[in-house]
Amino acid sequence: QGVSAQLPSETFEDWYATQLPDQPN
């Protein structure tokens, strides 16, 4: 994505959505 992987990151939730799209947590 061309973004920084250092946390906290505003894009973490975007990546997380690709991990468990059907299991809200």
mmCIF file of all heavy atoms, coordinates in Angstrom:
data_MODEL
# 
_entry.id   MODEL 
# 
loop_
_atom_site.group_PDB 
_atom_site.id 
_atom_site.type_symbol 
_atom_site.label_atom_id 
_atom_site.label_alt_id 
_atom_site.label_comp_id 
_atom_site.label_asym_id 
_atom_site.label_entity_id 
_atom_site.label_seq_id 
_atom_site.pdbx_PDB_ins_code 
_atom_site.Cartn_x 
_atom_site.Cartn_y 
_atom_site.Cartn_z 
_atom_site.occupancy 
_atom_site.B_iso_or_equiv 
_atom_site.pdbx_formal_charge 
_atom_site.auth_seq_id 
_atom_site.auth_comp_id 
_atom_site.auth_asym_id 
_atom_site.auth_atom_id 
_atom_site.pdbx_PDB_model_num 
ATOM 1   N N   . GLN A 1 1  ? 0.814   -1.217  0.000  1.00 0.00 ? 1  GLN A N   1 
ATOM 2   C CA  . GLN A 1 1  ? 0.000   0.000   0.000  1.00 0.00 ? 1  GLN A CA  1 
ATOM 3   C C   . GLN A 1 1  ? 0.843   1.261   0.000  1.00 0.00 ? 1  GLN A C   1 
ATOM 4   O O   . GLN A 1 1  ? 0.322   2.364   -0.190 1.00 0.00 ? 1  GLN A O   1 
ATOM 5   C CB  . GLN A 1 1  ? -0.916  0.013   1.236  1.00 0.00 ? 1  GLN A CB  1 
ATOM 6   C CG  . GLN A 1 1  ? -1.889  -1.153  1.317  1.00 0.00 ? 1  GLN A CG  1 
ATOM 7   C CD  . GLN A 1 1  ? -2.887  -1.152  0.189  1.00 0.00 ? 1  GLN A CD  1 
ATOM 8   O OE1 . GLN A 1 1  ? -3.423  -0.109  -0.184 1.00 0.00 ? 1  GLN A OE1 1 
ATOM 9   N NE2 . GLN A 1 1  ? -3.146  -2.325  -0.374 1.00 0.00 ? 1  GLN A NE2 1 
ATOM 10  N N   . GLY A 1 2  ? 2.144   1.090   0.246  1.00 0.00 ? 2  GLY A N   1 
ATOM 11  C CA  . GLY A 1 2  ? 3.025   2.247   0.295  1.00 0.00 ? 2  GLY A CA  1 
ATOM 12  C C   . GLY A 1 2  ? 2.828   3.099   1.530  1.00 0.00 ? 2  GLY A C   1 
ATOM 13  O O   . GLY A 1 2  ? 2.988   4.323   1.479  1.00 0.00 ? 2  GLY A O   1 
ATOM 14  N N   . VAL A 1 3  ? 2.454   2.434   2.661  1.00 0.00 ? 3  VAL A N   1 
ATOM 15  C CA  . VAL A 1 3  ? 2.246   3.165   3.920  1.00 0.00 ? 3  VAL A CA  1 
ATOM 16  C C   . VAL A 1 3  ? 3.158   2.591   4.993  1.00 0.00 ? 3  VAL A C   1 
ATOM 17  O O   . VAL A 1 3  ? 3.669   1.475   4.868  1.00 0.00 ? 3  VAL A O   1 
ATOM 18  C CB  . VAL A 1 3  ? 0.772   3.078   4.383  1.00 0.00 ? 3  VAL A CB  1 
ATOM 19  C CG1 . VAL A 1 3  ? -0.142  3.728   3.358  1.00 0.00 ? 3  VAL A CG1 1 
ATOM 20  C CG2 . VAL A 1 3  ? 0.363   1.624   4.625  1.00 0.00 ? 3  VAL A CG2 1 
ATOM 21  N N   . SER A 1 4  ? 3.347   3.348   6.054  1.00 0.00 ? 4  SER A N   1 
ATOM 22  C CA  . SER A 1 4  ? 4.201   2.910   7.149  1.00 0.00 ? 4  SER A CA  1 
ATOM 23  C C   . SER A 1 4  ? 3.521   1.813   7.963  1.00 0.00 ? 4  SER A C   1 
ATOM 24  O O   . SER A 1 4  ? 2.319   1.866   8.228  1.00 0.00 ? 4  SER A O   1 
ATOM 25  C CB  . SER A 1 4  ? 4.528   4.094   8.067  1.00 0.00 ? 4  SER A CB  1 
ATOM 26  O OG  . SER A 1 4  ? 5.203   3.646   9.231  1.00 0.00 ? 4  SER A OG  1 
ATOM 27  N N   . ALA A 1 5  ? 4.313   0.812   8.370  1.00 0.00 ? 5  ALA A N   1 
ATOM 28  C CA  . ALA A 1 5  ? 3.783   -0.277  9.179  1.00 0.00 ? 5  ALA A CA  1 
ATOM 29  C C   . ALA A 1 5  ? 3.941   -0.007  10.669 1.00 0.00 ? 5  ALA A C   1 
ATOM 30  O O   . ALA A 1 5  ? 3.545   -0.827  11.496 1.00 0.00 ? 5  ALA A O   1 
ATOM 31  C CB  . ALA A 1 5  ? 4.492   -1.588  8.820  1.00 0.00 ? 5  ALA A CB  1 
ATOM 32  N N   . GLN A 1 6  ? 4.498   1.141   11.010 1.00 0.00 ? 6  GLN A N   1 
ATOM 33  C CA  . GLN A 1 6  ? 4.713   1.444   12.415 1.00 0.00 ? 6  GLN A CA  1 
ATOM 34  C C   . GLN A 1 6  ? 3.390   1.827   13.076 1.00 0.00 ? 6  GLN A C   1 
ATOM 35  O O   . GLN A 1 6  ? 2.649   2.669   12.584 1.00 0.00 ? 6  GLN A O   1 
ATOM 36  C CB  . GLN A 1 6  ? 5.733   2.583   12.578 1.00 0.00 ? 6  GLN A CB  1 
ATOM 37  C CG  . GLN A 1 6  ? 6.175   2.788   14.021 1.00 0.00 ? 6  GLN A CG  1 
ATOM 38  C CD  . GLN A 1 6  ? 7.417   3.672   14.102 1.00 0.00 ? 6  GLN A CD  1 
ATOM 39  O OE1 . GLN A 1 6  ? 8.022   4.007   13.094 1.00 0.00 ? 6  GLN A OE1 1 
ATOM 40  N NE2 . GLN A 1 6  ? 7.800   4.030   15.325 1.00 0.00 ? 6  GLN A NE2 1 
ATOM 41  N N   . LEU A 1 7  ? 3.097   1.170   14.200 1.00 0.00 ? 7  LEU A N   1 
ATOM 42  C CA  . LEU A 1 7  ? 1.863   1.449   14.924 1.00 0.00 ? 7  LEU A CA  1 
ATOM 43  C C   . LEU A 1 7  ? 2.074   2.564   15.935 1.00 0.00 ? 7  LEU A C   1 
ATOM 44  O O   . LEU A 1 7  ? 3.175   2.726   16.466 1.00 0.00 ? 7  LEU A O   1 
ATOM 45  C CB  . LEU A 1 7  ? 1.394   0.173   15.627 1.00 0.00 ? 7  LEU A CB  1 
ATOM 46  C CG  . LEU A 1 7  ? 1.019   -0.996  14.697 1.00 0.00 ? 7  LEU A CG  1 
ATOM 47  C CD1 . LEU A 1 7  ? 0.712   -2.237  15.520 1.00 0.00 ? 7  LEU A CD1 1 
ATOM 48  C CD2 . LEU A 1 7  ? -0.170  -0.637  13.816 1.00 0.00 ? 7  LEU A CD2 1 
ATOM 49  N N   . PRO A 1 8  ? 1.023   3.334   16.289 1.00 0.00 ? 8  PRO A N   1 
ATOM 50  C CA  . PRO A 1 8  ? -0.341  3.225   15.751 1.00 0.00 ? 8  PRO A CA  1 
ATOM 51  C C   . PRO A 1 8  ? -0.437  3.760   14.324 1.00 0.00 ? 8  PRO A C   1 
ATOM 52  O O   . PRO A 1 8  ? 0.307   4.657   13.945 1.00 0.00 ? 8  PRO A O   1 
ATOM 53  C CB  . PRO A 1 8  ? -1.166  4.072   16.704 1.00 0.00 ? 8  PRO A CB  1 
ATOM 54  C CG  . PRO A 1 8  ? -0.206  5.093   17.223 1.00 0.00 ? 8  PRO A CG  1 
ATOM 55  C CD  . PRO A 1 8  ? 1.132   4.382   17.316 1.00 0.00 ? 8  PRO A CD  1 
ATOM 56  N N   . SER A 1 9  ? -1.326  3.148   13.557 1.00 0.00 ? 9  SER A N   1 
ATOM 57  C CA  . SER A 1 9  ? -1.484  3.540   12.163 1.00 0.00 ? 9  SER A CA  1 
ATOM 58  C C   . SER A 1 9  ? -2.963  3.669   11.829 1.00 0.00 ? 9  SER A C   1 
ATOM 59  O O   . SER A 1 9  ? -3.775  2.841   12.228 1.00 0.00 ? 9  SER A O   1 
ATOM 60  C CB  . SER A 1 9  ? -0.841  2.488   11.253 1.00 0.00 ? 9  SER A CB  1 
ATOM 61  O OG  . SER A 1 9  ? -1.174  2.718   9.903  1.00 0.00 ? 9  SER A OG  1 
ATOM 62  N N   . GLU A 1 10 ? -3.302  4.714   11.095 1.00 0.00 ? 10 GLU A N   1 
ATOM 63  C CA  . GLU A 1 10 ? -4.693  4.930   10.693 1.00 0.00 ? 10 GLU A CA  1 
ATOM 64  C C   . GLU A 1 10 ? -5.168  3.850   9.719  1.00 0.00 ? 10 GLU A C   1 
ATOM 65  O O   . GLU A 1 10 ? -6.361  3.643   9.543  1.00 0.00 ? 10 GLU A O   1 
ATOM 66  C CB  . GLU A 1 10 ? -4.845  6.312   10.061 1.00 0.00 ? 10 GLU A CB  1 
ATOM 67  C CG  . GLU A 1 10 ? -4.587  7.464   11.036 1.00 0.00 ? 10 GLU A CG  1 
ATOM 68  C CD  . GLU A 1 10 ? -4.738  8.815   10.363 1.00 0.00 ? 10 GLU A CD  1 
ATOM 69  O OE1 . GLU A 1 10 ? -4.984  8.829   9.133  1.00 0.00 ? 10 GLU A OE1 1 
ATOM 70  O OE2 . GLU A 1 10 ? -4.618  9.841   11.058 1.00 0.00 ? 10 GLU A OE2 1 
ATOM 71  N N   . THR A 1 11 ? -4.237  3.168   9.082  1.00 0.00 ? 11 THR A N   1 
ATOM 72  C CA  . THR A 1 11 ? -4.608  2.162   8.084  1.00 0.00 ? 11 THR A CA  1 
ATOM 73  C C   . THR A 1 11 ? -4.730  0.761   8.677  1.00 0.00 ? 11 THR A C   1 
ATOM 74  O O   . THR A 1 11 ? -5.075  -0.178  7.967  1.00 0.00 ? 11 THR A O   1 
ATOM 75  C CB  . THR A 1 11 ? -3.572  2.132   6.944  1.00 0.00 ? 11 THR A CB  1 
ATOM 76  O OG1 . THR A 1 11 ? -2.276  1.846   7.495  1.00 0.00 ? 11 THR A OG1 1 
ATOM 77  C CG2 . THR A 1 11 ? -3.539  3.455   6.212  1.00 0.00 ? 11 THR A CG2 1 
ATOM 78  N N   . PHE A 1 12 ? -4.457  0.597   9.976  1.00 0.00 ? 12 PHE A N   1 
ATOM 79  C CA  . PHE A 1 12 ? -4.517  -0.737  10.583 1.00 0.00 ? 12 PHE A CA  1 
ATOM 80  C C   . PHE A 1 12 ? -5.904  -1.351  10.431 1.00 0.00 ? 12 PHE A C   1 
ATOM 81  O O   . PHE A 1 12 ? -6.036  -2.547  10.134 1.00 0.00 ? 12 PHE A O   1 
ATOM 82  C CB  . PHE A 1 12 ? -4.134  -0.667  12.065 1.00 0.00 ? 12 PHE A CB  1 
ATOM 83  C CG  . PHE A 1 12 ? -4.113  -2.020  12.746 1.00 0.00 ? 12 PHE A CG  1 
ATOM 84  C CD1 . PHE A 1 12 ? -3.022  -2.855  12.619 1.00 0.00 ? 12 PHE A CD1 1 
ATOM 85  C CD2 . PHE A 1 12 ? -5.198  -2.457  13.496 1.00 0.00 ? 12 PHE A CD2 1 
ATOM 86  C CE1 . PHE A 1 12 ? -2.994  -4.101  13.230 1.00 0.00 ? 12 PHE A CE1 1 
ATOM 87  C CE2 . PHE A 1 12 ? -5.189  -3.695  14.109 1.00 0.00 ? 12 PHE A CE2 1 
ATOM 88  C CZ  . PHE A 1 12 ? -4.084  -4.517  13.973 1.00 0.00 ? 12 PHE A CZ  1 
ATOM 89  N N   . GLU A 1 13 ? -6.946  -0.548  10.621 1.00 0.00 ? 13 GLU A N   1 
ATOM 90  C CA  . GLU A 1 13 ? -8.308  -1.067  10.512 1.00 0.00 ? 13 GLU A CA  1 
ATOM 91  C C   . GLU A 1 13 ? -8.611  -1.534  9.093  1.00 0.00 ? 13 GLU A C   1 
ATOM 92  O O   . GLU A 1 13 ? -9.372  -2.491  8.903  1.00 0.00 ? 13 GLU A O   1 
ATOM 93  C CB  . GLU A 1 13 ? -9.318  -0.006  10.952 1.00 0.00 ? 13 GLU A CB  1 
ATOM 94  C CG  . GLU A 1 13 ? -9.277  0.314   12.445 1.00 0.00 ? 13 GLU A CG  1 
ATOM 95  C CD  . GLU A 1 13 ? -9.601  -0.894  13.309 1.00 0.00 ? 13 GLU A CD  1 
ATOM 96  O OE1 . GLU A 1 13 ? -10.471 -1.700  12.909 1.00 0.00 ? 13 GLU A OE1 1 
ATOM 97  O OE2 . GLU A 1 13 ? -8.967  -1.056  14.362 1.00 0.00 ? 13 GLU A OE2 1 
ATOM 98  N N   . ASP A 1 14 ? -8.016  -0.893  8.103  1.00 0.00 ? 14 ASP A N   1 
ATOM 99  C CA  . ASP A 1 14 ? -8.211  -1.328  6.718  1.00 0.00 ? 14 ASP A CA  1 
ATOM 100 C C   . ASP A 1 14 ? -7.624  -2.719  6.511  1.00 0.00 ? 14 ASP A C   1 
ATOM 101 O O   . ASP A 1 14 ? -8.230  -3.570  5.859  1.00 0.00 ? 14 ASP A O   1 
ATOM 102 C CB  . ASP A 1 14 ? -7.562  -0.337  5.746  1.00 0.00 ? 14 ASP A CB  1 
ATOM 103 C CG  . ASP A 1 14 ? -8.227  1.028   5.781  1.00 0.00 ? 14 ASP A CG  1 
ATOM 104 O OD1 . ASP A 1 14 ? -9.423  1.089   6.125  1.00 0.00 ? 14 ASP A OD1 1 
ATOM 105 O OD2 . ASP A 1 14 ? -7.547  2.016   5.466  1.00 0.00 ? 14 ASP A OD2 1 
ATOM 106 N N   . TRP A 1 15 ? -6.423  -2.919  7.048  1.00 0.00 ? 15 TRP A N   1 
ATOM 107 C CA  . TRP A 1 15 ? -5.807  -4.247  6.946  1.00 0.00 ? 15 TRP A CA  1 
ATOM 108 C C   . TRP A 1 15 ? -6.582  -5.265  7.756  1.00 0.00 ? 15 TRP A C   1 
ATOM 109 O O   . TRP A 1 15 ? -6.821  -6.381  7.292  1.00 0.00 ? 15 TRP A O   1 
ATOM 110 C CB  . TRP A 1 15 ? -4.360  -4.195  7.446  1.00 0.00 ? 15 TRP A CB  1 
ATOM 111 C CG  . TRP A 1 15 ? -3.735  -5.556  7.596  1.00 0.00 ? 15 TRP A CG  1 
ATOM 112 C CD1 . TRP A 1 15 ? -3.308  -6.363  6.577  1.00 0.00 ? 15 TRP A CD1 1 
ATOM 113 C CD2 . TRP A 1 15 ? -3.496  -6.263  8.811  1.00 0.00 ? 15 TRP A CD2 1 
ATOM 114 N NE1 . TRP A 1 15 ? -2.809  -7.541  7.092  1.00 0.00 ? 15 TRP A NE1 1 
ATOM 115 C CE2 . TRP A 1 15 ? -2.907  -7.503  8.450  1.00 0.00 ? 15 TRP A CE2 1 
ATOM 116 C CE3 . TRP A 1 15 ? -3.708  -5.969  10.155 1.00 0.00 ? 15 TRP A CE3 1 
ATOM 117 C CZ2 . TRP A 1 15 ? -2.539  -8.439  9.415  1.00 0.00 ? 15 TRP A CZ2 1 
ATOM 118 C CZ3 . TRP A 1 15 ? -3.347  -6.903  11.105 1.00 0.00 ? 15 TRP A CZ3 1 
ATOM 119 C CH2 . TRP A 1 15 ? -2.762  -8.133  10.737 1.00 0.00 ? 15 TRP A CH2 1 
ATOM 120 N N   . TYR A 1 16 ? -7.007  -4.871  8.951  1.00 0.00 ? 16 TYR A N   1 
ATOM 121 C CA  . TYR A 1 16 ? -7.727  -5.803  9.826  1.00 0.00 ? 16 TYR A CA  1 
ATOM 122 C C   . TYR A 1 16 ? -9.007  -6.294  9.153  1.00 0.00 ? 16 TYR A C   1 
ATOM 123 O O   . TYR A 1 16 ? -9.390  -7.461  9.304  1.00 0.00 ? 16 TYR A O   1 
ATOM 124 C CB  . TYR A 1 16 ? -8.065  -5.131  11.156 1.00 0.00 ? 16 TYR A CB  1 
ATOM 125 C CG  . TYR A 1 16 ? -8.604  -6.089  12.192 1.00 0.00 ? 16 TYR A CG  1 
ATOM 126 C CD1 . TYR A 1 16 ? -7.740  -6.796  13.024 1.00 0.00 ? 16 TYR A CD1 1 
ATOM 127 C CD2 . TYR A 1 16 ? -9.971  -6.309  12.322 1.00 0.00 ? 16 TYR A CD2 1 
ATOM 128 C CE1 . TYR A 1 16 ? -8.229  -7.688  13.962 1.00 0.00 ? 16 TYR A CE1 1 
ATOM 129 C CE2 . TYR A 1 16 ? -10.469 -7.203  13.252 1.00 0.00 ? 16 TYR A CE2 1 
ATOM 130 C CZ  . TYR A 1 16 ? -9.589  -7.892  14.074 1.00 0.00 ? 16 TYR A CZ  1 
ATOM 131 O OH  . TYR A 1 16 ? -10.076 -8.789  14.994 1.00 0.00 ? 16 TYR A OH  1 
ATOM 132 N N   . ALA A 1 17 ? -9.645  -5.449  8.382  1.00 0.00 ? 17 ALA A N   1 
ATOM 133 C CA  . ALA A 1 17 ? -10.874 -5.831  7.690  1.00 0.00 ? 17 ALA A CA  1 
ATOM 134 C C   . ALA A 1 17 ? -10.622 -6.947  6.684  1.00 0.00 ? 17 ALA A C   1 
ATOM 135 O O   . ALA A 1 17 ? -11.521 -7.724  6.363  1.00 0.00 ? 17 ALA A O   1 
ATOM 136 C CB  . ALA A 1 17 ? -11.477 -4.625  6.989  1.00 0.00 ? 17 ALA A CB  1 
ATOM 137 N N   . THR A 1 18 ? -9.384  -7.064  6.202  1.00 0.00 ? 18 THR A N   1 
ATOM 138 C CA  . THR A 1 18 ? -9.063  -8.143  5.263  1.00 0.00 ? 18 THR A CA  1 
ATOM 139 C C   . THR A 1 18 ? -8.788  -9.449  5.991  1.00 0.00 ? 18 THR A C   1 
ATOM 140 O O   . THR A 1 18 ? -8.694  -10.506 5.357  1.00 0.00 ? 18 THR A O   1 
ATOM 141 C CB  . THR A 1 18 ? -7.817  -7.795  4.429  1.00 0.00 ? 18 THR A CB  1 
ATOM 142 O OG1 . THR A 1 18 ? -6.644  -7.833  5.260  1.00 0.00 ? 18 THR A OG1 1 
ATOM 143 C CG2 . THR A 1 18 ? -7.953  -6.423  3.796  1.00 0.00 ? 18 THR A CG2 1 
ATOM 144 N N   . GLN A 1 19 ? -8.657  -9.371  7.312  1.00 0.00 ? 19 GLN A N   1 
ATOM 145 C CA  . GLN A 1 19 ? -8.293  -10.548 8.097  1.00 0.00 ? 19 GLN A CA  1 
ATOM 146 C C   . GLN A 1 19 ? -9.507  -11.327 8.603  1.00 0.00 ? 19 GLN A C   1 
ATOM 147 O O   . GLN A 1 19 ? -9.538  -12.542 8.576  1.00 0.00 ? 19 GLN A O   1 
ATOM 148 C CB  . GLN A 1 19 ? -7.420  -10.124 9.283  1.00 0.00 ? 19 GLN A CB  1 
ATOM 149 C CG  . GLN A 1 19 ? -6.037  -9.683  8.886  1.00 0.00 ? 19 GLN A CG  1 
ATOM 150 C CD  . GLN A 1 19 ? -5.212  -10.854 8.380  1.00 0.00 ? 19 GLN A CD  1 
ATOM 151 O OE1 . GLN A 1 19 ? -5.094  -11.869 9.040  1.00 0.00 ? 19 GLN A OE1 1 
ATOM 152 N NE2 . GLN A 1 19 ? -4.639  -10.702 7.196  1.00 0.00 ? 19 GLN A NE2 1 
ATOM 153 N N   . LEU A 1 20 ? -10.496 -10.617 9.100  1.00 0.00 ? 20 LEU A N   1 
ATOM 154 C CA  . LEU A 1 20 ? -11.693 -11.273 9.632  1.00 0.00 ? 20 LEU A CA  1 
ATOM 155 C C   . LEU A 1 20 ? -12.942 -10.533 9.159  1.00 0.00 ? 20 LEU A C   1 
ATOM 156 O O   . LEU A 1 20 ? -13.679 -9.972  9.957  1.00 0.00 ? 20 LEU A O   1 
ATOM 157 C CB  . LEU A 1 20 ? -11.658 -11.316 11.166 1.00 0.00 ? 20 LEU A CB  1 
ATOM 158 C CG  . LEU A 1 20 ? -10.668 -12.285 11.801 1.00 0.00 ? 20 LEU A CG  1 
ATOM 159 C CD1 . LEU A 1 20 ? -10.691 -12.159 13.313 1.00 0.00 ? 20 LEU A CD1 1 
ATOM 160 C CD2 . LEU A 1 20 ? -10.966 -13.718 11.409 1.00 0.00 ? 20 LEU A CD2 1 
ATOM 161 N N   . PRO A 1 21 ? -13.202 -10.510 7.868  1.00 0.00 ? 21 PRO A N   1 
ATOM 162 C CA  . PRO A 1 21 ? -14.345 -9.730  7.373  1.00 0.00 ? 21 PRO A CA  1 
ATOM 163 C C   . PRO A 1 21 ? -15.695 -10.247 7.852  1.00 0.00 ? 21 PRO A C   1 
ATOM 164 O O   . PRO A 1 21 ? -16.654 -9.491  7.902  1.00 0.00 ? 21 PRO A O   1 
ATOM 165 C CB  . PRO A 1 21 ? -14.211 -9.873  5.849  1.00 0.00 ? 21 PRO A CB  1 
ATOM 166 C CG  . PRO A 1 21 ? -13.454 -11.158 5.660  1.00 0.00 ? 21 PRO A CG  1 
ATOM 167 C CD  . PRO A 1 21 ? -12.480 -11.199 6.799  1.00 0.00 ? 21 PRO A CD  1 
ATOM 168 N N   . ASP A 1 22 ? -15.779 -11.518 8.193  1.00 0.00 ? 22 ASP A N   1 
ATOM 169 C CA  . ASP A 1 22 ? -17.068 -12.092 8.580  1.00 0.00 ? 22 ASP A CA  1 
ATOM 170 C C   . ASP A 1 22 ? -17.201 -12.317 10.089 1.00 0.00 ? 22 ASP A C   1 
ATOM 171 O O   . ASP A 1 22 ? -18.184 -12.891 10.550 1.00 0.00 ? 22 ASP A O   1 
ATOM 172 C CB  . ASP A 1 22 ? -17.287 -13.431 7.861  1.00 0.00 ? 22 ASP A CB  1 
ATOM 173 C CG  . ASP A 1 22 ? -17.258 -13.258 6.352  1.00 0.00 ? 22 ASP A CG  1 
ATOM 174 O OD1 . ASP A 1 22 ? -17.775 -12.226 5.886  1.00 0.00 ? 22 ASP A OD1 1 
ATOM 175 O OD2 . ASP A 1 22 ? -16.713 -14.140 5.673  1.00 0.00 ? 22 ASP A OD2 1 
ATOM 176 N N   . GLN A 1 23 ? -16.195 -11.925 10.848 1.00 0.00 ? 23 GLN A N   1 
ATOM 177 C CA  . GLN A 1 23 ? -16.218 -12.164 12.287 1.00 0.00 ? 23 GLN A CA  1 
ATOM 178 C C   . GLN A 1 23 ? -15.905 -10.883 13.048 1.00 0.00 ? 23 GLN A C   1 
ATOM 179 O O   . GLN A 1 23 ? -14.765 -10.656 13.433 1.00 0.00 ? 23 GLN A O   1 
ATOM 180 C CB  . GLN A 1 23 ? -15.218 -13.256 12.679 1.00 0.00 ? 23 GLN A CB  1 
ATOM 181 C CG  . GLN A 1 23 ? -15.524 -14.609 12.044 1.00 0.00 ? 23 GLN A CG  1 
ATOM 182 C CD  . GLN A 1 23 ? -14.562 -15.673 12.534 1.00 0.00 ? 23 GLN A CD  1 
ATOM 183 O OE1 . GLN A 1 23 ? -14.133 -15.660 13.684 1.00 0.00 ? 23 GLN A OE1 1 
ATOM 184 N NE2 . GLN A 1 23 ? -14.210 -16.608 11.672 1.00 0.00 ? 23 GLN A NE2 1 
ATOM 185 N N   . PRO A 1 24 ? -16.900 -10.027 13.253 1.00 0.00 ? 24 PRO A N   1 
ATOM 186 C CA  . PRO A 1 24 ? -16.670 -8.792  14.008 1.00 0.00 ? 24 PRO A CA  1 
ATOM 187 C C   . PRO A 1 24 ? -16.103 -9.105  15.392 1.00 0.00 ? 24 PRO A C   1 
ATOM 188 O O   . PRO A 1 24 ? -16.534 -10.056 16.050 1.00 0.00 ? 24 PRO A O   1 
ATOM 189 C CB  . PRO A 1 24 ? -18.070 -8.184  14.110 1.00 0.00 ? 24 PRO A CB  1 
ATOM 190 C CG  . PRO A 1 24 ? -18.823 -8.784  12.976 1.00 0.00 ? 24 PRO A CG  1 
ATOM 191 C CD  . PRO A 1 24 ? -18.293 -10.180 12.816 1.00 0.00 ? 24 PRO A CD  1 
ATOM 192 N N   . ASN A 1 25 ? -15.144 -8.328  15.826 1.00 0.00 ? 25 ASN A N   1 
ATOM 193 C CA  . ASN A 1 25 ? -14.504 -8.576  17.111 1.00 0.00 ? 25 ASN A CA  1 
ATOM 194 C C   . ASN A 1 25 ? -14.148 -7.238  17.738 1.00 0.00 ? 25 ASN A C   1 
ATOM 195 O O   . ASN A 1 25 ? -13.604 -6.360  17.061 1.00 0.00 ? 25 ASN A O   1 
ATOM 196 C CB  . ASN A 1 25 ? -13.248 -9.435  16.913 1.00 0.00 ? 25 ASN A CB  1 
ATOM 197 C CG  . ASN A 1 25 ? -12.736 -10.009 18.213 1.00 0.00 ? 25 ASN A CG  1 
ATOM 198 O OD1 . ASN A 1 25 ? -12.462 -9.282  19.162 1.00 0.00 ? 25 ASN A OD1 1 
ATOM 199 N ND2 . ASN A 1 25 ? -12.609 -11.323 18.267 1.00 0.00 ? 25 ASN A ND2 1 
# 
